[in-house]
Amino acid sequence: MTTTPLGSGETLQPRVAAPAPVRQPAAFHKTAKVTISRVLRSEWTKLTSLRSTMWTMLAAFVVTIGFGCLIPAITVSEWHNSTPQEQAENFTEPVMTSLVGGYFSQIAIGVLGVLLITGEYSTGMIRTSLGAVPHRLPVLFAKAAVFGVASFALSLLSILAAFFCGQAILHQIGLGVSIGDPHVVRVLLGGAFFVTTIGLLGLVLGTLIRSTGGAIAALLGLIFVVPIITGLLPGDWGSIHKFVPDGGGEALVTVVRDSDVMTPLGGLIVLLAWIVVGLGAAAYTMVRRDA
């Protein structure tokens, strides 16, 4: 600061030097471009950083393998106490005998799908995610893609382990099959895809309902209640069961089929339709409603 000398009729006025311009950091001038790869990495980080996710997936893995070994062991123990007629009637699906655990793991994966999205709504993290990705839909689709791939990989690994364990036990009484036998690979892949479908439907229901309790209740109703109701419908109405997720999954994992079960291709189309329609409804809801 400098001063001006006093003259006639003049007053002392301080002269203040102009402040130097402040250079803004580069981050203020240029924001990182939002790309699908960055959104996918973000969703993968969120999926793997939650301890509950790891424990739930571990539970699904252990349950699938555990029942895959337990049910064949029970079958072997009771085999010699059964009549030939009972053996022929009760044992027609050796592959499915070692995949019973998939019916329980679907619950764990489905509930995890619900929690992945309702947890973000309950904590407010969804606002941060949608603020970083203003178009919103990449967040939903990236979350579905990451969770779907992780669920399929986990389900397939656990189903393969359950299959090899169960069939090794069944070979003791000459009933085991190998992975190269007809339809076996299709059943294994179909079982993993069915569990993945249930997980994605859990994600869809969580997005639509936004309440953890309500979405889990709706998911359990879809898994257990709807198949029972459709299975009890009389006459041609009973064919509706083919078009619910349980019916589509049954078509994928059934080797010995009857007229009530559609073809594997039909079952695949049914499950894909549920995924596409469900994600479409979830996308519409996410865009139309506030976070």
Protein backbone atom coordinates (compact mmCIF):
# COMPACT_ATOMS: atom_id res chain seq x y z
CA MET A 1 0.00 0.00 0.00
CA THR A 2 1.35 3.50 -0.93
CA THR A 3 0.27 7.08 -0.01
CA THR A 4 -0.03 10.28 -2.03
CA PRO A 5 1.77 13.45 -0.68
CA LEU A 6 -0.47 16.17 0.80
CA GLY A 7 -1.02 19.18 -1.41
CA SER A 8 -3.35 22.15 -1.31
CA GLY A 9 -6.84 20.92 -0.47
CA GLU A 10 -5.78 17.33 -0.80
CA THR A 11 -6.41 14.53 1.62
CA LEU A 12 -4.39 11.44 2.20
CA GLN A 13 -5.74 8.56 0.12
CA PRO A 14 -4.25 5.10 0.44
CA ARG A 15 -3.41 3.36 -2.80
CA VAL A 16 -4.13 -0.34 -2.57
CA ALA A 17 -2.41 -2.68 -4.98
CA ALA A 18 -4.80 -4.81 -7.03
CA PRO A 19 -4.88 -8.42 -5.85
CA ALA A 20 -3.14 -10.93 -8.07
CA PRO A 21 -5.50 -13.13 -10.08
CA VAL A 22 -6.16 -16.51 -8.51
CA ARG A 23 -5.56 -19.46 -10.78
CA GLN A 24 -8.31 -22.04 -10.45
CA PRO A 25 -7.28 -25.70 -10.29
CA ALA A 26 -7.74 -27.64 -13.48
CA ALA A 27 -10.61 -29.57 -11.91
CA PHE A 28 -12.71 -26.39 -11.89
CA HIS A 29 -12.24 -25.91 -15.61
CA LYS A 30 -12.64 -29.44 -16.81
CA THR A 31 -14.81 -32.14 -15.33
CA ALA A 32 -13.95 -35.77 -16.04
CA LYS A 33 -16.13 -37.08 -18.81
CA VAL A 34 -18.76 -39.59 -17.72
CA THR A 35 -18.22 -42.84 -19.64
CA ILE A 36 -19.84 -46.22 -19.31
CA SER A 37 -16.53 -47.75 -18.23
CA ARG A 38 -16.25 -45.28 -15.34
CA VAL A 39 -19.84 -45.97 -14.30
CA LEU A 40 -19.20 -49.72 -14.45
CA ARG A 41 -16.06 -49.37 -12.31
CA SER A 42 -17.99 -47.28 -9.81
CA GLU A 43 -20.74 -49.88 -9.52
CA TRP A 44 -18.18 -52.67 -9.20
CA THR A 45 -16.47 -50.77 -6.37
CA LYS A 46 -19.77 -50.29 -4.57
CA LEU A 47 -20.66 -53.97 -5.00
CA THR A 48 -17.36 -55.32 -3.69
CA SER A 49 -16.84 -52.78 -0.90
CA LEU A 50 -19.93 -53.82 1.07
CA ARG A 51 -19.28 -56.52 3.64
CA SER A 52 -22.91 -57.64 3.48
CA THR A 53 -22.48 -58.36 -0.24
CA MET A 54 -19.54 -60.66 0.35
CA TRP A 55 -21.29 -62.51 3.18
CA THR A 56 -24.49 -62.95 1.17
CA MET A 57 -22.64 -64.28 -1.86
CA LEU A 58 -20.61 -66.58 0.36
CA ALA A 59 -23.82 -67.90 1.93
CA ALA A 60 -25.32 -68.58 -1.50
CA PHE A 61 -22.13 -70.35 -2.57
CA VAL A 62 -21.98 -72.56 0.54
CA VAL A 63 -25.70 -73.40 0.49
CA THR A 64 -25.58 -74.47 -3.16
CA ILE A 65 -22.63 -76.78 -2.61
CA GLY A 66 -23.84 -78.02 0.77
CA PHE A 67 -27.23 -79.17 -0.50
CA GLY A 68 -25.57 -80.43 -3.68
CA CYS A 69 -23.68 -82.92 -1.55
CA LEU A 70 -26.31 -83.55 1.12
CA ILE A 71 -29.27 -84.55 -1.07
CA PRO A 72 -27.28 -87.12 -3.11
CA ALA A 73 -25.91 -88.55 0.15
CA ILE A 74 -29.47 -88.97 1.47
CA THR A 75 -30.50 -90.56 -1.83
CA VAL A 76 -27.67 -93.09 -1.60
CA SER A 77 -28.50 -93.94 2.02
CA GLU A 78 -32.15 -94.59 1.19
CA TRP A 79 -31.60 -96.26 -2.18
CA HIS A 80 -31.20 -99.82 -0.95
CA ASN A 81 -34.30 -99.53 1.26
CA SER A 82 -36.50 -98.61 -1.70
CA THR A 83 -38.33 -100.95 -4.02
CA PRO A 84 -37.44 -100.94 -7.73
CA GLN A 85 -40.75 -99.23 -8.45
CA GLU A 86 -40.02 -96.47 -5.92
CA GLN A 87 -36.54 -96.05 -7.33
CA ALA A 88 -37.91 -95.65 -10.86
CA GLU A 89 -40.62 -93.19 -9.78
CA ASN A 90 -38.59 -91.00 -7.42
CA PHE A 91 -35.29 -90.79 -9.21
CA THR A 92 -35.60 -89.43 -12.73
CA GLU A 93 -33.40 -86.32 -12.54
CA PRO A 94 -29.86 -87.19 -11.35
CA VAL A 95 -28.54 -83.75 -12.35
CA MET A 96 -31.18 -81.86 -10.41
CA THR A 97 -30.53 -84.02 -7.34
CA SER A 98 -27.22 -82.21 -6.93
CA LEU A 99 -28.62 -78.77 -7.79
CA VAL A 100 -31.31 -78.49 -5.11
CA GLY A 101 -29.24 -75.85 -3.34
CA GLY A 102 -30.00 -73.46 -6.19
CA TYR A 103 -33.56 -73.13 -4.91
CA PHE A 104 -32.19 -71.69 -1.67
CA SER A 105 -29.38 -69.61 -3.14
CA GLN A 106 -31.87 -67.79 -5.37
CA ILE A 107 -33.37 -66.26 -2.23
CA ALA A 108 -29.99 -64.92 -1.10
CA ILE A 109 -29.12 -63.53 -4.53
CA GLY A 110 -32.60 -62.03 -4.96
CA VAL A 111 -32.48 -60.31 -1.58
CA LEU A 112 -29.00 -59.01 -2.39
CA GLY A 113 -30.38 -57.50 -5.60
CA VAL A 114 -32.99 -55.67 -3.54
CA LEU A 115 -30.45 -54.38 -1.03
CA LEU A 116 -28.08 -53.05 -3.67
CA ILE A 117 -30.57 -50.37 -4.71
CA THR A 118 -32.75 -49.84 -1.62
CA GLY A 119 -29.61 -49.41 0.48
CA GLU A 120 -28.60 -46.46 -1.71
CA TYR A 121 -32.04 -44.90 -1.42
CA SER A 122 -32.11 -45.29 2.37
CA THR A 123 -28.65 -43.75 2.87
CA GLY A 124 -29.07 -41.04 0.24
CA MET A 125 -26.08 -42.31 -1.74
CA ILE A 126 -28.34 -42.58 -4.80
CA ARG A 127 -28.36 -38.76 -4.99
CA THR A 128 -24.57 -38.75 -5.24
CA SER A 129 -24.64 -41.42 -7.93
CA LEU A 130 -27.30 -39.65 -9.97
CA GLY A 131 -25.59 -36.30 -9.47
CA ALA A 132 -22.40 -37.70 -10.99
CA VAL A 133 -24.36 -39.31 -13.85
CA PRO A 134 -27.21 -36.88 -14.60
CA HIS A 135 -28.84 -39.07 -17.26
CA ARG A 136 -29.59 -41.67 -14.52
CA LEU A 137 -30.13 -44.66 -16.78
CA PRO A 138 -26.41 -45.56 -17.06
CA VAL A 139 -26.38 -45.99 -13.28
CA LEU A 140 -29.24 -48.50 -13.35
CA PHE A 141 -27.98 -50.43 -16.36
CA ALA A 142 -24.39 -50.51 -15.09
CA LYS A 143 -25.60 -51.74 -11.71
CA ALA A 144 -27.65 -54.47 -13.42
CA ALA A 145 -24.74 -55.47 -15.67
CA VAL A 146 -22.18 -55.68 -12.85
CA PHE A 147 -24.54 -57.50 -10.50
CA GLY A 148 -25.75 -59.82 -13.27
CA VAL A 149 -22.23 -60.86 -14.30
CA ALA A 150 -21.14 -61.36 -10.67
CA SER A 151 -24.28 -63.38 -9.87
CA PHE A 152 -23.92 -65.59 -12.94
CA ALA A 153 -20.23 -66.26 -12.27
CA LEU A 154 -20.85 -67.09 -8.61
CA SER A 155 -23.88 -69.26 -9.40
CA LEU A 156 -22.11 -71.16 -12.15
CA LEU A 157 -19.05 -71.88 -9.99
CA SER A 158 -21.17 -73.09 -7.07
CA ILE A 159 -23.42 -75.17 -9.35
CA LEU A 160 -20.40 -76.82 -10.98
CA ALA A 161 -18.93 -77.64 -7.57
CA ALA A 162 -22.29 -79.00 -6.38
CA PHE A 163 -22.65 -81.05 -9.56
CA PHE A 164 -19.26 -82.74 -9.30
CA CYS A 165 -19.70 -83.40 -5.59
CA GLY A 166 -23.22 -84.79 -5.95
CA GLN A 167 -22.49 -86.95 -8.97
CA ALA A 168 -19.41 -88.43 -7.28
CA ILE A 169 -21.68 -89.55 -4.45
CA LEU A 170 -24.35 -90.90 -6.82
CA HIS A 171 -21.73 -92.93 -8.71
CA GLN A 172 -21.53 -95.16 -5.63
CA ILE A 173 -24.86 -96.70 -6.67
CA GLY A 174 -24.31 -96.32 -10.39
CA LEU A 175 -26.63 -93.32 -10.85
CA GLY A 176 -24.19 -90.50 -11.44
CA VAL A 177 -23.84 -88.71 -14.77
CA SER A 178 -20.88 -86.88 -16.29
CA ILE A 179 -20.72 -83.35 -17.60
CA GLY A 180 -20.44 -84.67 -21.15
CA ASP A 181 -23.78 -86.51 -21.01
CA PRO A 182 -26.72 -85.11 -23.01
CA HIS A 183 -28.44 -82.01 -21.59
CA VAL A 184 -26.08 -81.70 -18.60
CA VAL A 185 -24.27 -78.53 -19.72
CA ARG A 186 -27.58 -76.91 -20.63
CA VAL A 187 -29.00 -77.68 -17.18
CA LEU A 188 -25.94 -76.27 -15.41
CA LEU A 189 -25.92 -73.08 -17.43
CA GLY A 190 -29.69 -72.79 -17.16
CA GLY A 191 -29.59 -73.11 -13.38
CA ALA A 192 -27.00 -70.32 -13.12
CA PHE A 193 -29.01 -68.10 -15.46
CA PHE A 194 -32.21 -68.68 -13.49
CA VAL A 195 -30.56 -67.62 -10.21
CA THR A 196 -29.15 -64.55 -11.98
CA THR A 197 -32.63 -63.69 -13.26
CA ILE A 198 -34.03 -63.78 -9.74
CA GLY A 199 -31.24 -61.49 -8.59
CA LEU A 200 -31.97 -58.97 -11.35
CA LEU A 201 -35.69 -59.10 -10.56
CA GLY A 202 -34.79 -58.28 -6.96
CA LEU A 203 -32.91 -55.23 -8.26
CA VAL A 204 -35.95 -54.28 -10.36
CA LEU A 205 -38.36 -54.60 -7.43
CA GLY A 206 -36.05 -52.58 -5.20
CA THR A 207 -35.97 -49.79 -7.79
CA LEU A 208 -39.75 -49.82 -8.22
CA ILE A 209 -40.73 -50.04 -4.55
CA ARG A 210 -37.68 -48.38 -2.91
CA SER A 211 -38.54 -50.05 0.38
CA THR A 212 -36.35 -52.95 1.50
CA GLY A 213 -39.13 -54.75 3.34
CA GLY A 214 -41.72 -54.22 0.63
CA ALA A 215 -39.39 -55.26 -2.18
CA ILE A 216 -38.25 -58.41 -0.38
CA ALA A 217 -41.88 -59.34 0.34
CA ALA A 218 -42.76 -58.85 -3.33
CA LEU A 219 -39.75 -60.93 -4.38
CA LEU A 220 -40.66 -63.82 -2.09
CA GLY A 221 -44.21 -63.67 -3.39
CA LEU A 222 -42.90 -63.88 -6.95
CA ILE A 223 -40.66 -66.83 -6.10
CA PHE A 224 -43.03 -68.89 -3.95
CA VAL A 225 -46.61 -67.62 -3.96
CA VAL A 226 -47.12 -66.96 -7.67
CA PRO A 227 -45.97 -70.48 -8.75
CA ILE A 228 -48.33 -72.07 -6.23
CA ILE A 229 -51.30 -70.01 -7.42
CA THR A 230 -50.61 -70.59 -11.10
CA GLY A 231 -50.04 -74.28 -10.46
CA LEU A 232 -53.49 -74.60 -8.88
CA LEU A 233 -55.36 -72.92 -11.73
CA PRO A 234 -57.77 -75.33 -13.48
CA GLY A 235 -57.64 -76.42 -17.11
CA ASP A 236 -55.94 -74.21 -19.66
CA TRP A 237 -55.45 -71.49 -17.05
CA GLY A 238 -52.74 -73.66 -15.54
CA SER A 239 -50.55 -73.00 -18.59
CA ILE A 240 -49.95 -69.50 -17.16
CA HIS A 241 -47.39 -71.17 -14.92
CA LYS A 242 -45.09 -71.59 -17.92
CA PHE A 243 -44.74 -67.84 -18.23
CA VAL A 244 -43.76 -66.95 -14.66
CA PRO A 245 -40.05 -66.98 -13.71
CA ASP A 246 -40.37 -70.33 -11.96
CA GLY A 247 -41.85 -71.89 -15.09
CA GLY A 248 -39.09 -70.48 -17.28
CA GLY A 249 -36.41 -71.73 -14.92
CA GLU A 250 -38.04 -75.15 -14.75
CA ALA A 251 -37.87 -75.42 -18.54
CA LEU A 252 -34.14 -74.68 -18.49
CA VAL A 253 -33.19 -77.26 -15.87
CA THR A 254 -35.58 -80.11 -16.70
CA VAL A 255 -34.27 -83.15 -18.57
CA VAL A 256 -37.32 -85.42 -18.45
CA ARG A 257 -40.16 -83.12 -19.42
CA ASP A 258 -43.91 -83.49 -19.86
CA SER A 259 -46.54 -81.37 -21.59
CA ASP A 260 -46.67 -78.91 -18.67
CA VAL A 261 -43.07 -77.79 -19.23
CA MET A 262 -42.06 -75.74 -22.27
CA THR A 263 -38.86 -76.23 -24.25
CA PRO A 264 -35.52 -74.88 -22.95
CA LEU A 265 -35.55 -72.18 -25.63
CA GLY A 266 -39.04 -71.16 -24.54
CA GLY A 267 -37.88 -70.99 -20.92
CA LEU A 268 -34.92 -68.81 -21.89
CA ILE A 269 -37.21 -66.43 -23.77
CA VAL A 270 -39.54 -66.20 -20.76
CA LEU A 271 -36.70 -65.29 -18.39
CA LEU A 272 -35.21 -62.79 -20.84
CA ALA A 273 -38.64 -61.19 -21.22
CA TRP A 274 -38.96 -60.78 -17.45
CA ILE A 275 -35.51 -59.16 -17.29
CA VAL A 276 -36.12 -56.78 -20.22
CA VAL A 277 -39.62 -55.74 -19.13
CA GLY A 278 -38.54 -55.41 -15.51
CA LEU A 279 -35.52 -53.24 -16.29
CA GLY A 280 -37.65 -51.16 -18.64
CA ALA A 281 -40.16 -50.49 -15.87
CA ALA A 282 -37.35 -49.71 -13.43
CA ALA A 283 -35.74 -47.32 -15.92
CA TYR A 284 -39.03 -45.49 -16.48
CA THR A 285 -39.54 -45.16 -12.73
CA MET A 286 -36.00 -43.92 -12.09
CA VAL A 287 -36.32 -41.22 -14.76
CA ARG A 288 -39.79 -40.06 -13.74
CA ARG A 289 -39.41 -39.97 -9.96
CA ASP A 290 -37.13 -37.87 -7.78
CA ALA A 291 -34.31 -39.56 -5.96
